[in-house]
Amino acid sequence: MEGCRVLQAESKNVFIEGIGLVMNRWTALQMAIENEWGGRSSRLKAQQLAADVLSWFTQTKGPLYIDDLETILDEGMLSLNTEIEDNSIQDVCIYVAETLMVVHEECLQGNYRSVQILRGTNSNQALRHCVEQIVNDHDDGEDDDSDDNIVGDASQNSNRTSNQ
């Protein structure tokens, strides 16, 4: 079944677009680029982060753990000097990682719904949704360290996607 977990050509192109859309709507990342918080090479660092994300999804052998993706995103933001003491960057990294996992899973199934939604939103809408999601997650008091942090079979993730 693992052989079926490879993105087909069209799906890979849509997924690459999805990564770009998510990154372009990530306010902290865009501010770091515009203000060169990571130095003159801030834009290159952001492009490398997107490439690292794509590589992680396409080159990882075995299951994809969301914690690993969160680490990649967090390290990318740290390279841009965006560490904030109140953990807000980490909270947004979690949201971005969840979004990317959903987009990836949908693309594996040939479903481009999330990418289509991202195409139709602007940065402010995406940020507002992101903030609402973070607030709701904290209010729910749910434990984020559950088994949902691993990408399992497609039916499990379809259920998770439809609940969001």
N, C-alpha and C. Protein backbone atom coordinates (compact mmCIF):
# COMPACT_ATOMS: atom_id res chain seq x y z
N MET A 1 0.81 -1.19 0.00
CA MET A 1 0.00 0.00 0.00
C MET A 1 0.86 1.26 0.00
N GLU A 2 2.09 1.17 0.54
CA GLU A 2 2.95 2.35 0.59
C GLU A 2 3.26 2.90 -0.79
N GLY A 3 3.31 2.04 -1.83
CA GLY A 3 3.58 2.50 -3.17
C GLY A 3 2.54 3.47 -3.68
N CYS A 4 1.33 3.38 -3.16
CA CYS A 4 0.23 4.27 -3.55
C CYS A 4 0.35 5.63 -2.88
N ARG A 5 1.33 5.82 -2.00
CA ARG A 5 1.47 7.05 -1.24
C ARG A 5 2.38 8.06 -1.94
N VAL A 6 2.60 7.88 -3.23
CA VAL A 6 3.45 8.77 -4.01
C VAL A 6 2.57 9.71 -4.81
N LEU A 7 2.90 10.99 -4.78
CA LEU A 7 2.15 11.97 -5.56
C LEU A 7 2.36 11.74 -7.05
N GLN A 8 1.29 11.69 -7.81
CA GLN A 8 1.36 11.62 -9.26
C GLN A 8 1.77 13.00 -9.79
N ALA A 9 2.14 13.11 -11.04
CA ALA A 9 2.67 14.36 -11.62
C ALA A 9 1.73 15.54 -11.40
N GLU A 10 0.46 15.40 -11.77
CA GLU A 10 -0.48 16.51 -11.60
C GLU A 10 -0.65 16.86 -10.13
N SER A 11 -0.78 15.84 -9.30
CA SER A 11 -0.96 16.06 -7.86
C SER A 11 0.26 16.74 -7.25
N LYS A 12 1.45 16.36 -7.71
CA LYS A 12 2.67 16.97 -7.19
C LYS A 12 2.71 18.45 -7.55
N ASN A 13 2.32 18.79 -8.78
CA ASN A 13 2.30 20.20 -9.18
C ASN A 13 1.31 21.00 -8.35
N VAL A 14 0.15 20.43 -8.09
CA VAL A 14 -0.85 21.11 -7.26
C VAL A 14 -0.33 21.23 -5.83
N PHE A 15 0.32 20.19 -5.34
CA PHE A 15 0.87 20.23 -3.98
C PHE A 15 1.94 21.31 -3.86
N ILE A 16 2.81 21.42 -4.85
CA ILE A 16 3.83 22.48 -4.85
C ILE A 16 3.16 23.85 -4.80
N GLU A 17 2.10 24.01 -5.59
CA GLU A 17 1.35 25.27 -5.55
C GLU A 17 0.76 25.48 -4.15
N GLY A 18 0.23 24.42 -3.56
CA GLY A 18 -0.34 24.50 -2.22
C GLY A 18 0.68 24.94 -1.19
N ILE A 19 1.89 24.40 -1.26
CA ILE A 19 2.95 24.82 -0.35
C ILE A 19 3.20 26.31 -0.51
N GLY A 20 3.30 26.77 -1.76
CA GLY A 20 3.52 28.19 -2.01
C GLY A 20 2.40 29.06 -1.47
N LEU A 21 1.16 28.62 -1.66
CA LEU A 21 0.02 29.38 -1.17
C LEU A 21 0.03 29.47 0.35
N VAL A 22 0.33 28.36 1.01
CA VAL A 22 0.39 28.37 2.48
C VAL A 22 1.51 29.30 2.95
N MET A 23 2.68 29.18 2.34
CA MET A 23 3.82 30.02 2.75
C MET A 23 3.55 31.50 2.49
N ASN A 24 2.91 31.81 1.36
CA ASN A 24 2.61 33.21 1.03
C ASN A 24 1.56 33.82 1.95
N ARG A 25 0.78 32.98 2.62
CA ARG A 25 -0.25 33.47 3.52
C ARG A 25 0.19 33.43 4.99
N TRP A 26 1.41 33.00 5.21
CA TRP A 26 1.97 32.92 6.56
C TRP A 26 2.56 34.29 6.88
N THR A 27 1.83 35.06 7.65
CA THR A 27 2.16 36.46 7.90
C THR A 27 3.55 36.63 8.50
N ALA A 28 3.89 35.86 9.51
CA ALA A 28 5.20 36.00 10.16
C ALA A 28 6.33 35.73 9.16
N LEU A 29 6.15 34.74 8.31
CA LEU A 29 7.16 34.42 7.30
C LEU A 29 7.30 35.58 6.32
N GLN A 30 6.18 36.11 5.87
CA GLN A 30 6.22 37.21 4.91
C GLN A 30 6.84 38.47 5.52
N MET A 31 6.54 38.73 6.79
CA MET A 31 7.15 39.88 7.46
C MET A 31 8.65 39.70 7.59
N ALA A 32 9.08 38.48 7.91
CA ALA A 32 10.51 38.19 8.03
C ALA A 32 11.22 38.41 6.70
N ILE A 33 10.57 38.04 5.61
CA ILE A 33 11.16 38.24 4.28
C ILE A 33 11.23 39.72 3.95
N GLU A 34 10.11 40.40 4.09
CA GLU A 34 10.04 41.82 3.72
C GLU A 34 10.98 42.68 4.54
N ASN A 35 11.13 42.37 5.82
CA ASN A 35 11.97 43.17 6.70
C ASN A 35 13.39 42.63 6.84
N GLU A 36 13.67 41.55 6.10
CA GLU A 36 15.00 40.92 6.09
C GLU A 36 15.49 40.59 7.49
N TRP A 37 14.60 40.02 8.30
CA TRP A 37 14.97 39.64 9.66
C TRP A 37 16.06 38.59 9.66
N GLY A 38 16.13 37.80 8.61
CA GLY A 38 17.16 36.77 8.49
C GLY A 38 18.36 37.25 7.69
N GLY A 39 18.46 38.56 7.50
CA GLY A 39 19.54 39.13 6.71
C GLY A 39 19.13 39.29 5.25
N ARG A 40 20.09 39.66 4.44
CA ARG A 40 19.81 39.89 3.01
C ARG A 40 19.33 38.64 2.29
N SER A 41 19.64 37.51 2.83
CA SER A 41 19.24 36.25 2.19
C SER A 41 17.91 35.72 2.73
N SER A 42 17.11 36.57 3.34
CA SER A 42 15.83 36.13 3.92
C SER A 42 14.93 35.46 2.89
N ARG A 43 14.83 36.03 1.70
CA ARG A 43 13.98 35.44 0.67
C ARG A 43 14.50 34.05 0.28
N LEU A 44 15.81 33.92 0.16
CA LEU A 44 16.40 32.61 -0.17
C LEU A 44 16.15 31.60 0.94
N LYS A 45 16.22 32.05 2.19
CA LYS A 45 15.95 31.16 3.32
C LYS A 45 14.50 30.68 3.28
N ALA A 46 13.58 31.57 2.94
CA ALA A 46 12.17 31.19 2.84
C ALA A 46 11.95 30.21 1.69
N GLN A 47 12.63 30.44 0.57
CA GLN A 47 12.53 29.51 -0.56
C GLN A 47 13.11 28.15 -0.19
N GLN A 48 14.19 28.16 0.57
CA GLN A 48 14.78 26.90 1.03
C GLN A 48 13.84 26.17 1.97
N LEU A 49 13.14 26.92 2.82
CA LEU A 49 12.17 26.31 3.72
C LEU A 49 11.08 25.59 2.92
N ALA A 50 10.55 26.25 1.89
CA ALA A 50 9.53 25.63 1.05
C ALA A 50 10.09 24.37 0.36
N ALA A 51 11.33 24.45 -0.11
CA ALA A 51 11.97 23.29 -0.75
C ALA A 51 12.18 22.15 0.26
N ASP A 52 12.55 22.51 1.49
CA ASP A 52 12.73 21.50 2.53
C ASP A 52 11.41 20.80 2.86
N VAL A 53 10.32 21.58 2.89
CA VAL A 53 9.00 21.01 3.15
C VAL A 53 8.63 20.03 2.04
N LEU A 54 8.80 20.45 0.79
CA LEU A 54 8.49 19.56 -0.34
C LEU A 54 9.34 18.30 -0.27
N SER A 55 10.61 18.45 -0.02
CA SER A 55 11.51 17.31 0.07
C SER A 55 11.09 16.36 1.19
N TRP A 56 10.70 16.91 2.33
CA TRP A 56 10.28 16.08 3.45
C TRP A 56 9.07 15.23 3.05
N PHE A 57 8.10 15.86 2.39
CA PHE A 57 6.91 15.12 1.98
C PHE A 57 7.22 14.07 0.91
N THR A 58 8.10 14.39 -0.01
CA THR A 58 8.30 13.51 -1.16
C THR A 58 9.45 12.51 -0.98
N GLN A 59 10.37 12.76 -0.06
CA GLN A 59 11.54 11.90 0.09
C GLN A 59 11.53 11.04 1.34
N THR A 60 10.67 11.35 2.30
CA THR A 60 10.65 10.59 3.55
C THR A 60 10.15 9.18 3.30
N LYS A 61 10.91 8.23 3.76
CA LYS A 61 10.51 6.82 3.68
C LYS A 61 9.75 6.50 4.97
N GLY A 62 8.64 5.82 4.84
CA GLY A 62 7.86 5.47 6.02
C GLY A 62 6.83 6.54 6.35
N PRO A 63 6.25 6.44 7.54
CA PRO A 63 5.17 7.36 7.92
C PRO A 63 5.67 8.79 8.11
N LEU A 64 4.78 9.73 7.86
CA LEU A 64 5.07 11.15 8.03
C LEU A 64 4.51 11.61 9.37
N TYR A 65 5.37 12.02 10.26
CA TYR A 65 4.95 12.50 11.57
C TYR A 65 4.88 14.03 11.55
N ILE A 66 3.75 14.57 11.97
CA ILE A 66 3.56 16.01 11.94
C ILE A 66 4.58 16.73 12.83
N ASP A 67 5.02 16.10 13.90
CA ASP A 67 6.03 16.71 14.77
C ASP A 67 7.31 17.01 14.00
N ASP A 68 7.68 16.12 13.08
CA ASP A 68 8.88 16.35 12.27
C ASP A 68 8.70 17.56 11.36
N LEU A 69 7.51 17.69 10.78
CA LEU A 69 7.23 18.84 9.93
C LEU A 69 7.24 20.13 10.74
N GLU A 70 6.66 20.09 11.93
CA GLU A 70 6.67 21.27 12.80
C GLU A 70 8.10 21.70 13.11
N THR A 71 8.99 20.73 13.32
CA THR A 71 10.39 21.03 13.60
C THR A 71 11.04 21.72 12.40
N ILE A 72 10.77 21.23 11.20
CA ILE A 72 11.32 21.86 9.99
C ILE A 72 10.84 23.30 9.89
N LEU A 73 9.55 23.52 10.10
CA LEU A 73 8.98 24.87 10.01
C LEU A 73 9.56 25.78 11.09
N ASP A 74 9.66 25.26 12.31
CA ASP A 74 10.19 26.05 13.41
C ASP A 74 11.65 26.43 13.16
N GLU A 75 12.44 25.47 12.69
CA GLU A 75 13.85 25.75 12.39
C GLU A 75 13.98 26.77 11.26
N GLY A 76 13.09 26.67 10.27
CA GLY A 76 13.10 27.65 9.18
C GLY A 76 12.80 29.05 9.69
N MET A 77 11.85 29.15 10.60
CA MET A 77 11.51 30.46 11.16
C MET A 77 12.64 30.97 12.05
N LEU A 78 13.29 30.08 12.78
CA LEU A 78 14.43 30.49 13.60
C LEU A 78 15.56 31.02 12.74
N SER A 79 15.75 30.44 11.55
CA SER A 79 16.81 30.92 10.65
C SER A 79 16.52 32.34 10.18
N LEU A 80 15.25 32.74 10.30
CA LEU A 80 14.85 34.10 9.93
C LEU A 80 14.72 34.99 11.16
N ASN A 81 15.23 34.52 12.30
CA ASN A 81 15.23 35.28 13.55
C ASN A 81 13.83 35.69 13.99
N THR A 82 12.90 34.75 13.96
CA THR A 82 11.52 35.05 14.33
C THR A 82 11.10 34.42 15.65
N GLU A 83 12.04 34.07 16.50
CA GLU A 83 11.70 33.45 17.78
C GLU A 83 10.99 34.47 18.67
N ILE A 84 9.85 34.06 19.22
CA ILE A 84 9.07 34.92 20.11
C ILE A 84 8.83 34.15 21.39
N GLU A 85 8.98 34.81 22.53
CA GLU A 85 8.92 34.12 23.82
C GLU A 85 7.56 33.55 24.16
N ASP A 86 6.47 34.09 23.61
CA ASP A 86 5.14 33.62 24.00
C ASP A 86 4.68 32.40 23.21
N ASN A 87 5.55 31.78 22.46
CA ASN A 87 5.26 30.56 21.69
C ASN A 87 4.28 30.77 20.54
N SER A 88 3.97 32.01 20.17
CA SER A 88 3.01 32.22 19.09
C SER A 88 3.55 31.70 17.76
N ILE A 89 4.84 31.80 17.53
CA ILE A 89 5.42 31.26 16.30
C ILE A 89 5.24 29.75 16.27
N GLN A 90 5.47 29.08 17.40
CA GLN A 90 5.30 27.63 17.45
C GLN A 90 3.84 27.25 17.21
N ASP A 91 2.91 28.04 17.77
CA ASP A 91 1.49 27.76 17.55
C ASP A 91 1.14 27.86 16.07
N VAL A 92 1.66 28.88 15.41
CA VAL A 92 1.39 29.05 13.99
C VAL A 92 2.08 27.94 13.19
N CYS A 93 3.28 27.54 13.59
CA CYS A 93 3.96 26.42 12.92
C CYS A 93 3.10 25.16 12.98
N ILE A 94 2.45 24.94 14.11
CA ILE A 94 1.57 23.78 14.25
C ILE A 94 0.43 23.88 13.26
N TYR A 95 -0.19 25.06 13.18
CA TYR A 95 -1.31 25.25 12.25
C TYR A 95 -0.85 25.07 10.80
N VAL A 96 0.29 25.66 10.46
CA VAL A 96 0.82 25.54 9.10
C VAL A 96 1.11 24.07 8.79
N ALA A 97 1.70 23.36 9.73
CA ALA A 97 2.00 21.94 9.53
C ALA A 97 0.72 21.15 9.31
N GLU A 98 -0.31 21.42 10.11
CA GLU A 98 -1.58 20.72 9.94
C GLU A 98 -2.17 20.99 8.57
N THR A 99 -2.12 22.25 8.15
CA THR A 99 -2.65 22.62 6.84
C THR A 99 -1.90 21.89 5.73
N LEU A 100 -0.58 21.87 5.81
CA LEU A 100 0.23 21.20 4.80
C LEU A 100 -0.04 19.69 4.78
N MET A 101 -0.24 19.10 5.94
CA MET A 101 -0.55 17.66 5.99
C MET A 101 -1.89 17.37 5.31
N VAL A 102 -2.88 18.23 5.53
CA VAL A 102 -4.19 18.04 4.90
C VAL A 102 -4.06 18.20 3.39
N VAL A 103 -3.37 19.25 2.95
CA VAL A 103 -3.19 19.48 1.51
C VAL A 103 -2.49 18.28 0.88
N HIS A 104 -1.45 17.78 1.52
CA HIS A 104 -0.72 16.63 0.99
C HIS A 104 -1.62 15.41 0.89
N GLU A 105 -2.34 15.12 1.94
CA GLU A 105 -3.21 13.94 1.94
C GLU A 105 -4.27 14.06 0.85
N GLU A 106 -4.85 15.24 0.70
CA GLU A 106 -5.84 15.44 -0.35
C GLU A 106 -5.23 15.26 -1.73
N CYS A 107 -4.04 15.80 -1.94
CA CYS A 107 -3.37 15.67 -3.24
C CYS A 107 -3.06 14.20 -3.54
N LEU A 108 -2.70 13.43 -2.54
CA LEU A 108 -2.49 11.99 -2.74
C LEU A 108 -3.74 11.32 -3.29
N GLN A 109 -4.90 11.83 -2.90
CA GLN A 109 -6.18 11.26 -3.32
C GLN A 109 -6.71 11.91 -4.59
N GLY A 110 -5.95 12.87 -5.15
CA GLY A 110 -6.43 13.59 -6.34
C GLY A 110 -7.51 14.60 -6.01
N ASN A 111 -7.60 14.99 -4.77
CA ASN A 111 -8.59 15.96 -4.29
C ASN A 111 -7.85 17.27 -4.03
N TYR A 112 -8.24 18.31 -4.73
CA TYR A 112 -7.52 19.59 -4.63
C TYR A 112 -8.35 20.66 -3.94
N ARG A 113 -9.31 20.24 -3.12
CA ARG A 113 -10.23 21.16 -2.47
C ARG A 113 -9.51 22.21 -1.63
N SER A 114 -8.57 21.80 -0.79
CA SER A 114 -7.87 22.75 0.07
C SER A 114 -7.08 23.77 -0.74
N VAL A 115 -6.45 23.32 -1.81
CA VAL A 115 -5.69 24.24 -2.66
C VAL A 115 -6.63 25.22 -3.33
N GLN A 116 -7.78 24.73 -3.78
CA GLN A 116 -8.78 25.63 -4.39
C GLN A 116 -9.25 26.67 -3.38
N ILE A 117 -9.46 26.26 -2.14
CA ILE A 117 -9.86 27.21 -1.10
C ILE A 117 -8.76 28.23 -0.87
N LEU A 118 -7.51 27.76 -0.79
CA LEU A 118 -6.39 28.68 -0.60
C LEU A 118 -6.27 29.67 -1.75
N ARG A 119 -6.53 29.21 -2.97
CA ARG A 119 -6.49 30.11 -4.13
C ARG A 119 -7.50 31.24 -3.97
N GLY A 120 -8.63 30.93 -3.35
CA GLY A 120 -9.71 31.90 -3.22
C GLY A 120 -9.61 32.80 -2.00
N THR A 121 -8.59 32.62 -1.19
CA THR A 121 -8.45 33.46 0.00
C THR A 121 -7.28 34.41 -0.17
N ASN A 122 -7.38 35.53 0.53
CA ASN A 122 -6.22 36.42 0.55
C ASN A 122 -5.49 36.21 1.87
N SER A 123 -4.38 36.86 2.04
CA SER A 123 -3.55 36.66 3.22
C SER A 123 -4.30 36.99 4.50
N ASN A 124 -5.09 38.05 4.51
CA ASN A 124 -5.79 38.44 5.72
C ASN A 124 -6.82 37.41 6.13
N GLN A 125 -7.54 36.83 5.15
CA GLN A 125 -8.51 35.79 5.47
C GLN A 125 -7.80 34.57 6.06
N ALA A 126 -6.69 34.21 5.46
CA ALA A 126 -5.96 33.04 5.94
C ALA A 126 -5.45 33.28 7.36
N LEU A 127 -4.94 34.48 7.63
CA LEU A 127 -4.44 34.79 8.96
C LEU A 127 -5.57 34.76 9.97
N ARG A 128 -6.71 35.35 9.63
CA ARG A 128 -7.85 35.37 10.54
C ARG A 128 -8.27 33.94 10.88
N HIS A 129 -8.35 33.08 9.87
CA HIS A 129 -8.70 31.68 10.10
C HIS A 129 -7.65 31.01 10.99
N CYS A 130 -6.40 31.33 10.74
CA CYS A 130 -5.31 30.76 11.52
C CYS A 130 -5.44 31.14 12.99
N VAL A 131 -5.68 32.42 13.26
CA VAL A 131 -5.81 32.89 14.63
C VAL A 131 -7.02 32.25 15.29
N GLU A 132 -8.14 32.18 14.58
CA GLU A 132 -9.34 31.53 15.12
C GLU A 132 -9.06 30.08 15.46
N GLN A 133 -8.33 29.39 14.60
CA GLN A 133 -8.01 27.98 14.83
C GLN A 133 -7.16 27.82 16.07
N ILE A 134 -6.16 28.67 16.24
CA ILE A 134 -5.28 28.59 17.40
C ILE A 134 -6.08 28.84 18.67
N VAL A 135 -6.92 29.86 18.68
CA VAL A 135 -7.74 30.18 19.84
C VAL A 135 -8.67 29.02 20.16
N ASN A 136 -9.32 28.46 19.14
CA ASN A 136 -10.22 27.33 19.36
C ASN A 136 -9.48 26.11 19.90
N ASP A 137 -8.29 25.86 19.39
CA ASP A 137 -7.52 24.71 19.86
C ASP A 137 -7.17 24.86 21.34
N HIS A 138 -6.79 26.08 21.75
CA HIS A 138 -6.45 26.30 23.15
C HIS A 138 -7.68 26.23 24.03
N ASP A 139 -8.82 26.70 23.54
CA ASP A 139 -10.06 26.66 24.31
C ASP A 139 -10.57 25.24 24.47
N ASP A 140 -10.36 24.40 23.47
CA ASP A 140 -10.84 23.02 23.52
C ASP A 140 -10.11 22.21 24.58
N GLY A 141 -8.87 22.59 24.84
CA GLY A 141 -8.08 21.86 25.82
C GLY A 141 -7.72 20.46 25.38
N GLU A 142 -7.72 20.23 24.08
CA GLU A 142 -7.40 18.92 23.56
C GLU A 142 -5.91 18.67 23.64
N ASP A 143 -5.54 17.42 23.78
CA ASP A 143 -4.15 17.02 23.80
C ASP A 143 -3.67 16.82 22.37
N ASP A 144 -2.68 17.62 21.94
CA ASP A 144 -2.18 17.54 20.58
C ASP A 144 -1.23 16.37 20.35
N ASP A 145 -0.91 15.61 21.39
CA ASP A 145 0.05 14.53 21.25
C ASP A 145 -0.63 13.19 21.00
N SER A 146 -1.77 13.20 20.32
CA SER A 146 -2.49 11.97 20.05
C SER A 146 -1.93 11.29 18.81
N ASP A 147 -2.52 10.14 18.47
CA ASP A 147 -2.08 9.40 17.30
C ASP A 147 -2.44 10.09 16.00
N ASP A 148 -3.20 11.19 16.04
CA ASP A 148 -3.53 11.94 14.84
C ASP A 148 -2.30 12.61 14.25
N ASN A 149 -1.18 12.59 14.97
CA ASN A 149 0.03 13.24 14.50
C ASN A 149 0.77 12.43 13.46
N ILE A 150 0.23 11.32 13.07
CA ILE A 150 0.85 10.49 12.04
C ILE A 150 -0.12 10.36 10.88
N VAL A 151 0.41 10.40 9.69
CA VAL A 151 -0.42 10.20 8.52
C VAL A 151 -0.61 8.71 8.37
N GLY A 152 -1.85 8.29 8.47
CA GLY A 152 -2.17 6.87 8.34
C GLY A 152 -2.74 6.59 6.98
N ASP A 153 -3.70 5.67 6.93
CA ASP A 153 -4.30 5.36 5.64
C ASP A 153 -5.24 6.48 5.22
N ALA A 154 -5.61 6.48 3.97
CA ALA A 154 -6.38 7.58 3.39
C ALA A 154 -7.74 7.74 4.05
N SER A 155 -8.40 6.66 4.44
CA SER A 155 -9.73 6.78 5.04
C SER A 155 -9.67 7.48 6.38
N GLN A 156 -8.63 7.25 7.15
CA GLN A 156 -8.48 7.90 8.44
C GLN A 156 -8.32 9.40 8.24
N ASN A 157 -7.50 9.80 7.28
CA ASN A 157 -7.26 11.21 7.05
C ASN A 157 -8.43 11.88 6.36
N SER A 158 -9.20 11.17 5.58
CA SER A 158 -10.39 11.75 4.97
C SER A 158 -11.38 12.15 6.04
N ASN A 159 -11.52 11.30 7.06
CA ASN A 159 -12.42 11.63 8.16
C ASN A 159 -11.93 12.85 8.90
N ARG A 160 -10.63 12.93 9.13
CA ARG A 160 -10.06 14.07 9.84
C ARG A 160 -10.24 15.34 9.03
N THR A 161 -10.02 15.26 7.72
CA THR A 161 -10.15 16.41 6.84
C THR A 161 -11.58 16.91 6.81
N SER A 162 -12.55 16.01 6.74
CA SER A 162 -13.94 16.44 6.64
C SER A 162 -14.44 17.04 7.94
N ASN A 163 -13.78 16.78 9.05
CA ASN A 163 -14.19 17.35 10.32
C ASN A 163 -13.66 18.75 10.52
N GLN A 164 -12.77 19.21 9.66
CA GLN A 164 -12.16 20.53 9.86
C GLN A 164 -12.92 21.60 9.16
